[in-house]
């Protein structure tokens, strides 16, 4: 289906209370990665009730194409965790508590409301917390829009221009079994020593004052080892990730890590290139203006993790640029006290409406 279906869709009114009600419904609908369908259907109903065509695609993404002057997109899925959904009084007024209120249903719903109000394109994608499955499917099955606004919490004043990339792999090593009194390394020691060399290599690349965004950060995420079932060998498997700054490519980081091998092998199974966008793109400029109009002080951010923005920036040549934006304190991502001030959600929605209108050439 064409990316610009409904390109002439007129903007529809959505009140502040209606937007807040939608946010609460979306947060109250569980959508752990792999189980996003019910949440997606809530958003499809919202678009259809405002005269927009919308559907769930083959992988479960919410698709609501319209004017591709901007594509507003965020993810449906959350990490596990049961946080009772409720509204409580906070320092800035009422706050919505619940899993996903910050990461990233606040940005998701603000974008859905802004897309309906301005007539721009929208996509809610699946699988961001695991493998960006929905984002990969999207870039393979629609044309590039003129601009992408990816939804992640940055605060209503924050505009994210960069993310580090990621390489991930599985290290496997085997050694002969033997008595633990023997001095030779077993496979567990081989794995530990390889990873220690990798850590030391990248630690030596930077100085203490080098910002984290500009460093390669190695991190083991899982390790399993011990004597094989037949008792004849010691086997170790280690899952590893390395975050990649824009000064490196994923291939360079893989080669450097492979260069530290002394036994064992690594199967590299994921690579997401880093992204660093210019602050002078049309969409970045539109955000600075909109944040100031909303009474805020724009902050340009670089984040040390990886997001769907990396996928979109790598695959699409968007003439008006790519940024990430959304309400919420990213320190609360995946946290047991995840909550979002509703006044910040309101401000971010108005900023998104202003940006989308500007990119459409409207005042």
Protein backbone atom coordinates (compact mmCIF):
# COMPACT_ATOMS: atom_id res chain seq x y z
CA UNK A 1 0.00 0.00 0.00
CA UNK A 2 1.25 3.47 -0.85
CA UNK A 3 3.05 5.42 1.86
CA UNK A 4 1.04 8.53 1.06
CA UNK A 5 -2.43 6.99 1.36
CA UNK A 6 -4.71 9.63 2.93
CA UNK A 7 -2.16 12.30 1.97
CA UNK A 8 -5.03 14.82 1.84
CA UNK A 9 -6.45 13.77 5.22
CA UNK A 10 -7.65 16.83 7.04
CA UNK A 11 -6.60 17.38 10.62
CA UNK A 12 -9.18 16.48 13.27
CA UNK A 13 -9.71 17.95 16.70
CA UNK A 14 -8.55 16.00 19.75
CA UNK A 15 -9.08 17.65 23.13
CA UNK A 16 -6.52 17.58 25.95
CA UNK A 17 -8.79 15.34 28.04
CA UNK A 18 -9.36 12.97 25.12
CA UNK A 19 -5.59 12.72 24.55
CA UNK A 20 -5.00 11.97 28.22
CA UNK A 21 -7.76 9.34 28.20
CA UNK A 22 -6.16 7.67 25.17
CA UNK A 23 -2.79 7.66 26.92
CA UNK A 24 -4.26 5.99 29.99
CA UNK A 25 -6.00 3.35 27.85
CA UNK A 26 -2.81 2.60 25.91
CA UNK A 27 -0.72 2.33 29.10
CA UNK A 28 -3.39 0.11 30.67
CA UNK A 29 -3.22 -2.28 27.68
CA UNK A 30 -0.23 -4.59 28.26
CA UNK A 31 2.15 -4.85 25.29
CA UNK A 32 5.30 -6.70 26.32
CA UNK A 33 7.46 -7.42 23.26
CA UNK A 34 5.73 -10.07 21.16
CA UNK A 35 2.29 -9.29 22.62
CA UNK A 36 1.54 -5.86 21.10
CA UNK A 37 -1.66 -6.65 19.15
CA UNK A 38 -4.23 -5.45 21.69
CA UNK A 39 -2.40 -2.16 22.18
CA UNK A 40 -2.11 -1.70 18.43
CA UNK A 41 -5.85 -2.23 18.03
CA UNK A 42 -6.54 0.60 20.50
CA UNK A 43 -4.59 2.97 18.26
CA UNK A 44 -6.20 1.67 15.07
CA UNK A 45 -9.61 2.39 16.62
CA UNK A 46 -8.45 5.90 17.58
CA UNK A 47 -7.38 6.73 14.03
CA UNK A 48 -10.50 5.26 12.46
CA UNK A 49 -12.74 7.16 14.86
CA UNK A 50 -11.14 10.37 13.58
CA UNK A 51 -11.61 9.59 9.90
CA UNK A 52 -8.17 8.14 9.21
CA UNK A 53 -7.44 4.81 7.55
CA UNK A 54 -5.32 2.59 9.81
CA UNK A 55 -4.47 -1.10 10.09
CA UNK A 56 -2.08 -3.63 11.62
CA UNK A 57 0.45 -4.86 9.07
CA UNK A 58 1.97 -8.32 8.72
CA UNK A 59 4.26 -7.96 11.76
CA UNK A 60 1.80 -6.02 13.94
CA UNK A 61 2.86 -2.44 13.26
CA UNK A 62 0.12 0.19 13.36
CA UNK A 63 0.08 1.90 9.96
CA UNK A 64 -1.73 5.22 9.44
CA UNK A 65 -0.15 6.84 6.35
CA UNK A 66 -1.10 10.35 5.28
CA UNK A 67 1.08 13.37 4.44
CA UNK A 68 4.69 12.18 4.31
CA UNK A 69 6.05 15.64 5.03
CA UNK A 70 6.63 13.90 8.36
CA UNK A 71 6.38 10.37 9.71
CA UNK A 72 5.75 10.30 13.46
CA UNK A 73 6.71 6.88 14.80
CA UNK A 74 7.29 5.23 18.15
CA UNK A 75 7.16 1.71 19.54
CA UNK A 76 4.26 -0.24 21.00
CA UNK A 77 6.22 -2.75 23.03
CA UNK A 78 7.45 -2.51 26.61
CA UNK A 79 9.73 -4.53 28.83
CA UNK A 80 8.02 -6.80 31.38
CA UNK A 81 6.91 -5.40 34.73
CA UNK A 82 3.57 -4.92 36.41
CA UNK A 83 3.12 -1.33 37.62
CA UNK A 84 -0.50 -0.62 38.64
CA UNK A 85 -1.92 2.02 36.28
CA UNK A 86 -3.11 5.06 38.20
CA UNK A 87 -2.97 8.85 38.25
CA UNK A 88 -1.31 10.40 41.30
CA UNK A 89 -0.59 13.97 42.34
CA UNK A 90 3.04 14.99 41.74
CA UNK A 91 5.18 18.11 41.91
CA UNK A 92 3.92 19.31 38.50
CA UNK A 93 0.36 18.10 38.93
CA UNK A 94 -1.14 14.72 38.01
CA UNK A 95 1.20 11.92 36.93
CA UNK A 96 0.30 8.73 35.10
CA UNK A 97 1.98 5.65 36.55
CA UNK A 98 2.30 2.39 34.63
CA UNK A 99 4.69 0.23 32.62
CA UNK A 100 5.45 2.00 29.36
CA UNK A 101 4.16 5.41 30.43
CA UNK A 102 7.64 6.79 29.68
CA UNK A 103 9.19 4.16 27.40
CA UNK A 104 7.55 4.78 25.09
CA UNK A 105 3.75 5.06 25.29
CA UNK A 106 3.91 8.73 26.27
CA UNK A 107 5.78 9.58 23.04
CA UNK A 108 3.65 7.06 21.09
CA UNK A 109 0.31 8.59 22.07
CA UNK A 110 1.54 12.19 21.78
CA UNK A 111 2.53 11.32 18.19
CA UNK A 112 -0.77 9.61 17.42
CA UNK A 113 -2.69 12.67 18.63
CA UNK A 114 -0.40 15.06 16.72
CA UNK A 115 -0.72 12.96 13.55
CA UNK A 116 -4.53 13.10 13.73
CA UNK A 117 -4.54 16.84 14.44
CA UNK A 118 -2.15 17.71 11.58
CA UNK A 119 -2.75 15.02 8.95
CA UNK A 120 0.79 13.64 8.84
CA UNK A 121 1.80 9.98 8.68
CA UNK A 122 2.05 7.74 11.74
CA UNK A 123 3.47 4.31 12.52
CA UNK A 124 3.53 2.43 15.81
CA UNK A 125 6.16 -0.30 15.56
CA UNK A 126 6.72 -3.57 17.38
CA UNK A 127 9.79 -5.21 18.85
CA UNK A 128 11.98 -2.17 19.57
CA UNK A 129 12.99 -3.50 22.99
CA UNK A 130 14.48 -6.66 21.45
CA UNK A 131 15.46 -6.50 17.77
CA UNK A 132 13.65 -3.52 16.13
CA UNK A 133 11.67 -6.02 14.09
CA UNK A 134 8.91 -3.54 13.35
CA UNK A 135 11.25 -0.76 12.26
CA UNK A 136 13.13 -3.10 9.93
CA UNK A 137 9.86 -4.24 8.37
CA UNK A 138 8.71 -0.64 7.97
CA UNK A 139 11.80 0.51 6.07
CA UNK A 140 11.54 -2.53 3.78
CA UNK A 141 7.87 -1.95 2.97
CA UNK A 142 7.29 1.76 2.57
CA UNK A 143 8.98 4.67 0.80
CA UNK A 144 11.09 7.13 2.76
CA UNK A 145 9.18 10.12 4.17
CA UNK A 146 10.56 13.65 3.98
CA UNK A 147 11.26 13.67 7.74
CA UNK A 148 11.14 11.15 10.58
CA UNK A 149 10.38 11.95 14.20
CA UNK A 150 11.11 8.85 16.27
CA UNK A 151 9.45 8.63 19.67
CA UNK A 152 11.53 8.06 22.80
CA UNK A 153 11.56 9.97 26.08
CA UNK A 154 13.79 13.05 25.96
CA UNK A 155 11.72 15.46 28.03
CA UNK A 156 9.48 17.99 26.34
CA UNK A 157 12.50 20.29 25.77
CA UNK A 158 14.96 17.63 24.57
CA UNK A 159 15.75 16.91 20.92
CA UNK A 160 17.86 13.78 20.38
CA UNK A 161 20.18 13.92 17.36
CA UNK A 162 22.45 10.94 17.98
CA UNK A 163 22.59 7.37 19.26
CA UNK A 164 25.48 4.96 19.47
CA UNK A 165 25.29 1.81 17.39
CA UNK A 166 25.48 -1.80 18.52
CA UNK A 167 27.22 -5.02 17.60
CA UNK A 168 26.22 -8.24 19.32
CA UNK A 169 27.67 -11.70 19.14
CA UNK A 170 27.96 -15.15 20.69
CA UNK A 171 31.41 -16.35 21.76
CA UNK A 172 31.91 -20.14 22.00
CA UNK A 173 34.97 -22.01 23.25
CA UNK A 174 35.69 -25.62 24.22
CA UNK A 175 38.57 -27.23 26.13
CA UNK A 176 39.40 -30.75 27.22
CA UNK A 177 38.13 -31.68 30.64
CA UNK A 178 40.66 -32.20 33.39
CA UNK A 179 41.23 -31.97 37.09
CA UNK A 180 40.81 -28.44 38.46
CA UNK A 181 44.32 -28.62 39.95
CA UNK A 182 45.86 -28.49 36.46
CA UNK A 183 47.43 -25.11 35.49
CA UNK A 184 46.13 -25.04 31.90
CA UNK A 185 43.18 -22.80 31.12
CA UNK A 186 39.79 -24.35 30.76
CA UNK A 187 37.13 -22.90 28.45
CA UNK A 188 35.69 -20.70 31.19
CA UNK A 189 39.07 -19.05 31.74
CA UNK A 190 39.55 -18.64 27.98
CA UNK A 191 36.27 -16.78 27.74
CA UNK A 192 37.08 -14.55 30.71
CA UNK A 193 40.54 -13.74 29.34
CA UNK A 194 39.24 -12.92 25.85
CA UNK A 195 36.66 -10.56 27.26
CA UNK A 196 39.22 -8.95 29.57
CA UNK A 197 41.43 -8.23 26.55
CA UNK A 198 38.48 -6.70 24.70
CA UNK A 199 37.64 -4.47 27.67
CA UNK A 200 41.26 -3.39 28.05
CA UNK A 201 41.55 -2.63 24.33
CA UNK A 202 38.66 -0.21 24.30
CA UNK A 203 39.53 1.25 27.68
CA UNK A 204 42.91 2.23 26.22
CA UNK A 205 41.25 3.95 23.23
CA UNK A 206 39.90 6.88 25.23
CA UNK A 207 40.79 9.17 28.09
CA UNK A 208 38.97 9.44 31.38
CA UNK A 209 37.35 12.68 30.22
CA UNK A 210 36.09 11.20 26.93
CA UNK A 211 32.27 11.37 26.93
CA UNK A 212 30.53 7.99 27.06
CA UNK A 213 28.84 8.74 23.72
CA UNK A 214 32.27 8.82 22.06
CA UNK A 215 33.53 5.54 23.54
CA UNK A 216 33.10 1.90 22.62
CA UNK A 217 31.42 0.25 25.59
CA UNK A 218 31.81 -3.56 25.80
CA UNK A 219 29.27 -5.43 27.92
CA UNK A 220 28.82 -9.17 28.52
CA UNK A 221 25.10 -9.88 28.85
CA UNK A 222 25.03 -13.62 29.53
CA UNK A 223 27.55 -16.40 30.20
CA UNK A 224 27.10 -20.14 30.58
CA UNK A 225 29.87 -22.67 31.09
CA UNK A 226 30.81 -25.99 32.62
CA UNK A 227 31.55 -29.63 31.95
CA UNK A 228 29.73 -31.14 28.98
CA UNK A 229 27.10 -33.84 29.46
CA UNK A 230 29.52 -36.57 28.40
CA UNK A 231 32.17 -35.30 30.83
CA UNK A 232 34.87 -35.05 28.16
CA UNK A 233 35.09 -31.30 27.70
CA UNK A 234 34.47 -27.90 29.24
CA UNK A 235 32.25 -25.61 27.16
CA UNK A 236 31.54 -21.92 27.55
CA UNK A 237 29.14 -19.62 25.72
CA UNK A 238 29.09 -15.84 26.25
CA UNK A 239 26.63 -13.33 24.79
CA UNK A 240 28.29 -9.96 24.27
CA UNK A 241 27.36 -6.47 23.11
CA UNK A 242 29.53 -3.51 22.18
CA UNK A 243 28.09 -0.01 21.78
CA UNK A 244 29.58 1.80 18.80
CA UNK A 245 30.17 5.58 18.67
CA UNK A 246 30.00 7.52 15.37
CA UNK A 247 33.82 7.58 15.24
CA UNK A 248 33.76 3.81 14.52
CA UNK A 249 31.88 1.50 12.20
CA UNK A 250 30.33 -1.75 13.34
CA UNK A 251 32.78 -3.65 11.12
CA UNK A 252 35.77 -1.93 12.74
CA UNK A 253 34.58 -2.84 16.23
CA UNK A 254 33.98 -6.46 15.25
CA UNK A 255 37.45 -6.73 13.73
CA UNK A 256 39.07 -5.23 16.81
CA UNK A 257 37.26 -7.68 19.09
CA UNK A 258 38.11 -10.61 16.80
CA UNK A 259 41.75 -9.53 16.97
CA UNK A 260 41.78 -10.36 20.68
CA UNK A 261 40.79 -14.01 20.13
CA UNK A 262 43.21 -16.72 21.25
CA UNK A 263 41.00 -19.76 20.86
CA UNK A 264 37.25 -19.81 20.55
CA UNK A 265 35.07 -18.19 17.91
CA UNK A 266 32.51 -15.39 17.76
CA UNK A 267 29.35 -15.45 15.66
CA UNK A 268 28.33 -11.84 15.21
CA UNK A 269 24.56 -11.81 14.75
CA UNK A 270 23.49 -8.18 15.03
CA UNK A 271 24.85 -4.83 13.86
CA UNK A 272 23.13 -1.44 14.13
CA UNK A 273 25.18 1.51 12.83
CA UNK A 274 25.53 4.64 15.00
CA UNK A 275 23.72 7.81 13.97
CA UNK A 276 24.54 11.50 14.46
CA UNK A 277 22.24 13.96 12.68
CA UNK A 278 22.96 17.63 12.02
CA UNK A 279 21.21 20.24 14.19
CA UNK A 280 20.62 22.25 10.99
CA UNK A 281 18.09 19.96 9.33
CA UNK A 282 14.56 21.24 8.74
CA UNK A 283 13.09 18.98 11.39
CA UNK A 284 15.69 19.93 14.02
CA UNK A 285 15.09 23.63 13.34
CA UNK A 286 11.33 23.13 13.56
CA UNK A 287 11.73 21.51 16.97
CA UNK A 288 13.89 24.34 18.34
CA UNK A 289 11.26 26.87 17.27
CA UNK A 290 8.37 24.79 18.63
CA UNK A 291 10.01 24.16 22.01
CA UNK A 292 10.67 27.89 22.44
CA UNK A 293 7.09 28.71 21.44
CA UNK A 294 5.93 26.30 24.16
CA UNK A 295 8.00 28.23 26.72
CA UNK A 296 10.90 25.78 26.88
CA UNK A 297 14.65 25.95 26.33
CA UNK A 298 15.67 23.47 23.59
CA UNK A 299 18.33 20.91 24.56
CA UNK A 300 20.21 18.98 21.87
CA UNK A 301 20.97 15.45 23.08
CA UNK A 302 23.18 12.50 22.21
CA UNK A 303 22.20 9.19 23.79
CA UNK A 304 24.51 6.33 24.67
CA UNK A 305 22.07 3.54 23.80
CA UNK A 306 20.57 2.45 20.49
CA UNK A 307 17.03 3.02 19.15
CA UNK A 308 14.87 2.68 16.06
CA UNK A 309 16.24 6.05 14.93
CA UNK A 310 19.42 4.18 13.96
CA UNK A 311 17.41 1.90 11.66
CA UNK A 312 15.50 4.75 9.99
CA UNK A 313 18.57 6.95 9.48
CA UNK A 314 20.55 4.09 7.95
CA UNK A 315 17.82 2.94 5.55
CA UNK A 316 16.14 6.17 4.47
CA UNK A 317 17.43 9.36 2.90
CA UNK A 318 15.03 11.86 4.47
CA UNK A 319 15.65 15.34 3.00
CA UNK A 320 14.22 17.13 6.04
CA UNK A 321 16.11 15.00 8.56
CA UNK A 322 15.59 12.51 11.38
CA UNK A 323 15.32 13.24 15.11
CA UNK A 324 14.03 11.54 18.25
CA UNK A 325 11.65 13.29 20.62
CA UNK A 326 9.09 12.58 23.30
CA UNK A 327 7.87 13.38 26.81
CA UNK A 328 9.25 11.63 29.85
CA UNK A 329 12.39 11.26 31.94
CA UNK A 330 14.55 8.57 30.32
CA UNK A 331 16.02 7.73 33.74
CA UNK A 332 12.67 6.04 34.38
CA UNK A 333 12.95 3.71 31.35
CA UNK A 334 12.27 0.12 32.53
CA UNK A 335 12.19 1.35 36.16
CA UNK A 336 9.78 0.11 38.86
CA UNK A 337 8.60 3.72 39.45
CA UNK A 338 7.94 4.57 35.77
CA UNK A 339 5.56 7.54 35.55
CA UNK A 340 4.86 10.54 33.33
CA UNK A 341 3.67 14.03 34.37
CA UNK A 342 0.56 14.71 32.29
CA UNK A 343 1.44 18.40 31.88
CA UNK A 344 4.66 17.33 30.16
CA UNK A 345 2.68 14.99 27.90
CA UNK A 346 0.44 17.95 26.98
CA UNK A 347 3.44 20.20 26.19
CA UNK A 348 5.13 17.55 24.08
CA UNK A 349 1.93 16.97 22.11
CA UNK A 350 1.69 20.69 21.31
CA UNK A 351 5.35 20.75 20.26
CA UNK A 352 4.73 17.81 17.92
CA UNK A 353 1.67 19.52 16.44
CA UNK A 354 3.72 22.65 15.80
CA UNK A 355 6.58 20.69 14.20
CA UNK A 356 4.29 18.63 11.97
CA UNK A 357 2.42 21.78 10.86
CA UNK A 358 5.70 23.52 10.08
CA UNK A 359 6.97 20.59 8.01
CA UNK A 360 3.69 20.61 6.07
CA UNK A 361 4.28 24.26 5.28
CA UNK A 362 1.50 25.49 7.52
CA UNK A 363 1.72 28.37 9.99
